[in-house]
Amino acid sequence: MQKILGRGVEESVELRVLLRGGPEFRWFLLRGKRIVINDKALIGGIGTDITERKQTEEALLKSEQKFRAITEQISELVFVADKNGRFIYVSLQ
């Protein structure tokens, strides 16, 4: 918030927020900018719930880590090729 008030430019931040009345956390993307009303510097902004996106990113990361762990531990060659036959991934030890 100090950064926004001091610089007066639009800033964005991702925050993990604990919701009232429960143990549930949600992710929000907050965008804010300094505005002046009646000679007072205030922050105007908007928040967007990005919980689903963050959960998807986390699931993808876990999947990639699992795939990498499996392919790096085996002695066989593992490869992934695209529809044109170009290698996208090759596990070489």
Protein backbone atom coordinates (compact mmCIF):
# COMPACT_ATOMS: atom_id res chain seq x y z
CA MET A 1 0.00 0.00 0.00
CA GLN A 2 2.87 2.37 0.78
CA LYS A 3 4.30 1.70 -2.66
CA ILE A 4 1.01 2.70 -4.29
CA LEU A 5 0.59 5.85 -2.18
CA GLY A 6 4.20 6.90 -2.68
CA ARG A 7 4.54 6.33 -6.41
CA GLY A 8 0.99 6.91 -7.52
CA VAL A 9 1.20 4.25 -10.23
CA GLU A 10 -0.99 1.22 -10.59
CA GLU A 11 0.37 -1.79 -8.74
CA SER A 12 -0.79 -5.40 -8.58
CA VAL A 13 -0.28 -7.99 -5.87
CA GLU A 14 -1.46 -11.56 -5.29
CA LEU A 15 -2.61 -12.25 -1.72
CA ARG A 16 -3.75 -15.36 0.09
CA VAL A 17 -6.66 -14.32 2.31
CA LEU A 18 -8.35 -16.14 5.19
CA LEU A 19 -12.11 -15.69 4.83
CA ARG A 20 -14.25 -14.65 7.79
CA GLY A 21 -16.04 -17.37 9.67
CA GLY A 22 -14.06 -20.30 8.39
CA PRO A 23 -10.72 -21.94 7.79
CA GLU A 24 -10.95 -21.41 4.03
CA PHE A 25 -8.25 -19.45 2.23
CA ARG A 26 -8.81 -17.74 -1.11
CA TRP A 27 -6.36 -16.10 -3.50
CA PHE A 28 -7.01 -12.58 -4.77
CA LEU A 29 -5.31 -10.41 -7.35
CA LEU A 30 -5.51 -6.85 -6.07
CA ARG A 31 -4.89 -3.89 -8.37
CA GLY A 32 -4.68 -0.47 -6.83
CA LYS A 33 -3.79 3.10 -7.72
CA ARG A 34 -3.45 6.29 -5.75
CA ILE A 35 -6.35 8.65 -6.14
CA VAL A 36 -6.82 12.08 -4.59
CA ILE A 37 -10.20 13.17 -3.25
CA ASN A 38 -10.59 16.47 -1.37
CA ASP A 39 -6.80 16.78 -1.12
CA LYS A 40 -6.52 13.36 0.55
CA ALA A 41 -4.45 10.58 -0.98
CA LEU A 42 -6.45 7.36 -1.03
CA ILE A 43 -6.14 4.01 -2.73
CA GLY A 44 -8.75 2.93 -5.23
CA GLY A 45 -8.68 -0.57 -6.51
CA ILE A 46 -10.32 -3.81 -7.43
CA GLY A 47 -9.83 -7.39 -6.33
CA THR A 48 -10.34 -10.51 -8.39
CA ASP A 49 -10.69 -14.01 -6.93
CA ILE A 50 -7.95 -16.09 -8.59
CA THR A 51 -8.26 -19.14 -6.32
CA GLU A 52 -9.15 -21.52 -9.15
CA ARG A 53 -6.19 -20.33 -11.24
CA LYS A 54 -3.78 -20.76 -8.30
CA GLN A 55 -5.13 -24.26 -7.58
CA THR A 56 -4.69 -25.20 -11.24
CA GLU A 57 -1.12 -23.86 -11.24
CA GLU A 58 -0.34 -25.85 -8.09
CA ALA A 59 -1.81 -29.05 -9.55
CA LEU A 60 0.22 -28.58 -12.74
CA LEU A 61 3.42 -28.01 -10.76
CA LYS A 62 2.83 -31.18 -8.71
CA SER A 63 2.14 -33.15 -11.88
CA GLU A 64 5.33 -31.88 -13.51
CA GLN A 65 7.36 -32.71 -10.40
CA LYS A 66 5.91 -36.23 -10.31
CA PHE A 67 6.63 -36.78 -14.02
CA ARG A 68 10.19 -35.49 -13.63
CA ALA A 69 10.82 -37.66 -10.56
CA ILE A 70 9.61 -40.76 -12.37
CA THR A 71 11.54 -40.16 -15.58
CA GLU A 72 14.76 -39.22 -13.80
CA GLN A 73 14.71 -42.36 -11.61
CA ILE A 74 14.25 -45.05 -14.27
CA SER A 75 16.98 -46.54 -16.41
CA GLU A 76 14.89 -46.73 -19.59
CA LEU A 77 14.74 -43.94 -22.10
CA VAL A 78 11.50 -41.96 -21.92
CA PHE A 79 10.53 -39.54 -24.62
CA VAL A 80 7.60 -37.37 -25.61
CA ALA A 81 7.13 -36.33 -29.22
CA ASP A 82 4.69 -33.94 -30.85
CA LYS A 83 2.40 -34.87 -33.76
CA ASN A 84 5.19 -34.02 -36.23
CA GLY A 85 7.60 -36.46 -34.59
CA ARG A 86 9.74 -33.76 -32.95
CA PHE A 87 11.02 -34.66 -29.51
CA ILE A 88 9.58 -32.46 -26.79
CA TYR A 89 11.15 -34.34 -23.89
CA VAL A 90 13.89 -36.94 -23.68
CA SER A 91 15.11 -38.41 -20.39
CA LEU A 92 18.84 -38.87 -20.73
CA GLN A 93 20.99 -39.88 -17.82
